[in-house]
Amino acid sequence: KQWYQRRVAITAGRDRQHGPILELNRMFSSQARGTKDWSRTIFAQACSMLINVSSESFLLPHRAWKVRFVGESVDDVGGGYSESIAEMCEELQSGVLPLFILTPNGRVDNGVNRDCYLFNPAASSPEETNMFKFLGILMGISVRTGSPLALDIAPPMWKLLVGL
């Protein structure tokens, strides 16, 4: 663990407090709830703004970006950033975004891991591939900053991610 923490510290950017500034529209995303229009979600908005940002921008020890919520008078000193991550995790597991599907046990409400999700093998379009790439960026930021993502990913998916 100490070796890992030293590597993260060595590679961390310290020349600024946060990465890019994101303008996210929660009113726009609230219109997507209850529909399959994932393009309005906070996740999709952030993905479109960050997918082509240089990876060096994410090497910060705390906040990878600063958030301005459109139409809201919130000065992000960390709360807006955390809130944006929480909303993205909620959207990923709500069925609005196509990246995750409920485990078979969850679909029939029987057995273990009923509350867990699998990567959706049908999500393979270029847009969905970019969203998976952005999900990987979020996971990397989570590991680097020590801020866990509230994602209920099934154990077999974690094994795929870590190469077991």
Protein backbone atom coordinates (compact mmCIF):
# COMPACT_ATOMS: atom_id res chain seq x y z
CA LYS A 1 0.00 0.00 0.00
CA GLN A 2 2.82 2.43 0.84
CA TRP A 3 4.51 1.73 -2.49
CA TYR A 4 1.27 2.52 -4.33
CA GLN A 5 0.68 5.73 -2.36
CA ARG A 6 4.22 6.90 -3.12
CA ARG A 7 3.70 6.28 -6.87
CA VAL A 8 0.45 8.24 -6.83
CA ALA A 9 2.13 11.09 -4.94
CA ILE A 10 5.10 11.18 -7.34
CA THR A 11 2.85 11.43 -10.40
CA ALA A 12 0.34 13.86 -8.89
CA GLY A 13 0.06 17.30 -10.43
CA ARG A 14 0.35 20.00 -7.80
CA ASP A 15 0.36 23.13 -9.92
CA ARG A 16 -3.39 23.74 -9.54
CA GLN A 17 -6.30 22.87 -7.24
CA HIS A 18 -8.60 21.40 -9.88
CA GLY A 19 -8.74 20.38 -13.50
CA PRO A 20 -11.10 21.72 -16.17
CA ILE A 21 -14.27 23.62 -15.26
CA LEU A 22 -17.44 21.76 -16.23
CA GLU A 23 -20.74 23.50 -16.75
CA LEU A 24 -23.36 20.86 -16.02
CA ASN A 25 -27.06 21.39 -16.45
CA ARG A 26 -29.08 19.46 -13.88
CA MET A 27 -32.40 20.82 -15.19
CA PHE A 28 -31.52 19.38 -18.59
CA SER A 29 -30.57 16.03 -17.01
CA SER A 30 -33.74 15.85 -14.92
CA GLN A 31 -35.70 15.75 -18.17
CA ALA A 32 -33.98 12.44 -18.99
CA ARG A 33 -35.32 10.68 -15.90
CA GLY A 34 -37.91 8.10 -16.76
CA THR A 35 -36.79 8.01 -20.39
CA LYS A 36 -34.04 6.28 -22.34
CA ASP A 37 -32.60 9.62 -23.54
CA TRP A 38 -29.18 9.30 -21.92
CA SER A 39 -27.69 12.22 -23.89
CA ARG A 40 -29.05 14.68 -21.31
CA THR A 41 -27.59 12.97 -18.25
CA ILE A 42 -24.87 14.51 -16.08
CA PHE A 43 -22.70 11.53 -17.06
CA ALA A 44 -23.14 12.21 -20.79
CA GLN A 45 -22.60 15.95 -20.34
CA ALA A 46 -19.36 15.37 -18.41
CA CYS A 47 -18.26 12.66 -20.84
CA SER A 48 -18.64 14.95 -23.84
CA MET A 49 -16.59 17.66 -22.11
CA LEU A 50 -13.84 15.43 -20.69
CA ILE A 51 -13.38 12.52 -23.09
CA ASN A 52 -10.72 14.32 -25.13
CA VAL A 53 -9.02 16.16 -22.26
CA SER A 54 -5.36 15.29 -21.74
CA SER A 55 -4.79 12.59 -19.12
CA GLU A 56 -2.40 14.93 -17.27
CA SER A 57 -5.45 16.98 -16.30
CA PHE A 58 -6.64 14.09 -14.14
CA LEU A 59 -3.42 13.63 -12.14
CA LEU A 60 -4.57 15.88 -9.32
CA PRO A 61 -4.67 14.55 -5.75
CA HIS A 62 -8.20 15.74 -4.93
CA ARG A 63 -10.60 17.26 -7.49
CA ALA A 64 -10.17 16.31 -11.12
CA TRP A 65 -12.50 19.11 -12.24
CA LYS A 66 -14.50 22.03 -10.93
CA VAL A 67 -18.27 22.13 -11.40
CA ARG A 68 -20.60 24.97 -12.23
CA PHE A 69 -24.21 23.91 -12.24
CA VAL A 70 -26.07 25.98 -14.84
CA GLY A 71 -28.73 28.19 -13.28
CA GLU A 72 -27.57 27.44 -9.74
CA SER A 73 -25.49 29.72 -7.58
CA VAL A 74 -23.10 27.08 -6.27
CA ASP A 75 -19.42 27.87 -5.80
CA ASP A 76 -17.68 24.52 -6.04
CA VAL A 77 -15.19 24.17 -3.22
CA GLY A 78 -15.52 20.38 -3.45
CA GLY A 79 -19.23 19.80 -2.87
CA GLY A 80 -20.25 20.30 -6.49
CA TYR A 81 -17.51 17.95 -7.65
CA SER A 82 -18.61 15.24 -5.19
CA GLU A 83 -22.24 15.81 -6.10
CA SER A 84 -21.50 15.44 -9.83
CA ILE A 85 -19.76 12.10 -9.20
CA ALA A 86 -22.66 10.88 -7.02
CA GLU A 87 -25.21 11.85 -9.68
CA MET A 88 -23.20 10.07 -12.38
CA CYS A 89 -23.09 6.87 -10.30
CA GLU A 90 -26.84 7.09 -9.72
CA GLU A 91 -27.47 7.57 -13.44
CA LEU A 92 -25.24 4.61 -14.34
CA GLN A 93 -27.38 2.30 -12.22
CA SER A 94 -30.78 3.82 -12.99
CA GLY A 95 -31.28 2.25 -16.40
CA VAL A 96 -31.07 5.60 -18.22
CA LEU A 97 -27.53 4.92 -19.44
CA PRO A 98 -26.88 1.79 -21.53
CA LEU A 99 -23.58 0.77 -19.88
CA PHE A 100 -24.88 -1.49 -17.10
CA ILE A 101 -27.54 -4.16 -16.83
CA LEU A 102 -28.86 -5.78 -13.69
CA THR A 103 -27.47 -9.24 -12.92
CA PRO A 104 -29.69 -12.19 -13.89
CA ASN A 105 -30.35 -12.75 -10.18
CA GLY A 106 -31.45 -9.15 -9.88
CA ARG A 107 -33.83 -9.50 -12.79
CA VAL A 108 -35.60 -12.45 -11.18
CA ASP A 109 -35.06 -11.23 -7.60
CA ASN A 110 -33.46 -14.46 -6.43
CA GLY A 111 -30.02 -15.50 -5.18
CA VAL A 112 -26.91 -13.44 -4.48
CA ASN A 113 -25.78 -10.17 -6.08
CA ARG A 114 -29.36 -9.12 -6.85
CA ASP A 115 -28.39 -5.48 -6.35
CA CYS A 116 -25.32 -5.66 -8.61
CA TYR A 117 -24.74 -4.72 -12.22
CA LEU A 118 -22.89 -6.20 -15.18
CA PHE A 119 -21.33 -4.38 -18.10
CA ASN A 120 -23.84 -4.39 -20.92
CA PRO A 121 -22.36 -6.42 -23.82
CA ALA A 122 -24.84 -4.81 -26.22
CA ALA A 123 -23.38 -1.34 -25.50
CA SER A 124 -20.89 -1.23 -28.36
CA SER A 125 -21.66 1.83 -30.48
CA PRO A 126 -18.95 4.50 -30.80
CA GLU A 127 -20.86 6.73 -28.34
CA GLU A 128 -21.19 3.89 -25.84
CA THR A 129 -17.51 2.99 -26.25
CA ASN A 130 -16.63 6.60 -25.39
CA MET A 131 -18.87 6.36 -22.32
CA PHE A 132 -17.05 3.19 -21.22
CA LYS A 133 -13.76 5.03 -21.71
CA PHE A 134 -15.06 7.87 -19.55
CA LEU A 135 -16.21 5.35 -16.93
CA GLY A 136 -12.62 4.08 -16.88
CA ILE A 137 -11.41 7.65 -16.37
CA LEU A 138 -13.83 8.01 -13.44
CA MET A 139 -12.55 4.77 -11.93
CA GLY A 140 -8.96 5.93 -12.31
CA ILE A 141 -9.77 9.26 -10.66
CA SER A 142 -11.49 7.38 -7.85
CA VAL A 143 -8.41 5.23 -7.22
CA ARG A 144 -6.07 8.22 -7.41
CA THR A 145 -8.09 10.46 -5.08
CA GLY A 146 -9.21 7.73 -2.69
CA SER A 147 -12.86 8.70 -3.24
CA PRO A 148 -14.85 5.52 -3.93
CA LEU A 149 -17.54 5.41 -6.58
CA ALA A 150 -20.99 4.29 -5.40
CA LEU A 151 -21.29 1.59 -8.04
CA ASP A 152 -22.65 -1.86 -7.26
CA ILE A 153 -20.65 -3.78 -9.84
CA ALA A 154 -20.94 -7.58 -9.69
CA PRO A 155 -17.83 -9.49 -8.52
CA PRO A 156 -17.20 -11.11 -11.96
CA MET A 157 -16.95 -7.63 -13.50
CA TRP A 158 -14.37 -6.55 -10.89
CA LYS A 159 -12.38 -9.66 -11.74
CA LEU A 160 -12.43 -8.67 -15.41
CA LEU A 161 -11.28 -5.16 -14.52
CA VAL A 162 -8.32 -6.28 -12.43
CA GLY A 163 -7.35 -9.12 -14.75
CA LEU A 164 -8.16 -12.12 -12.59
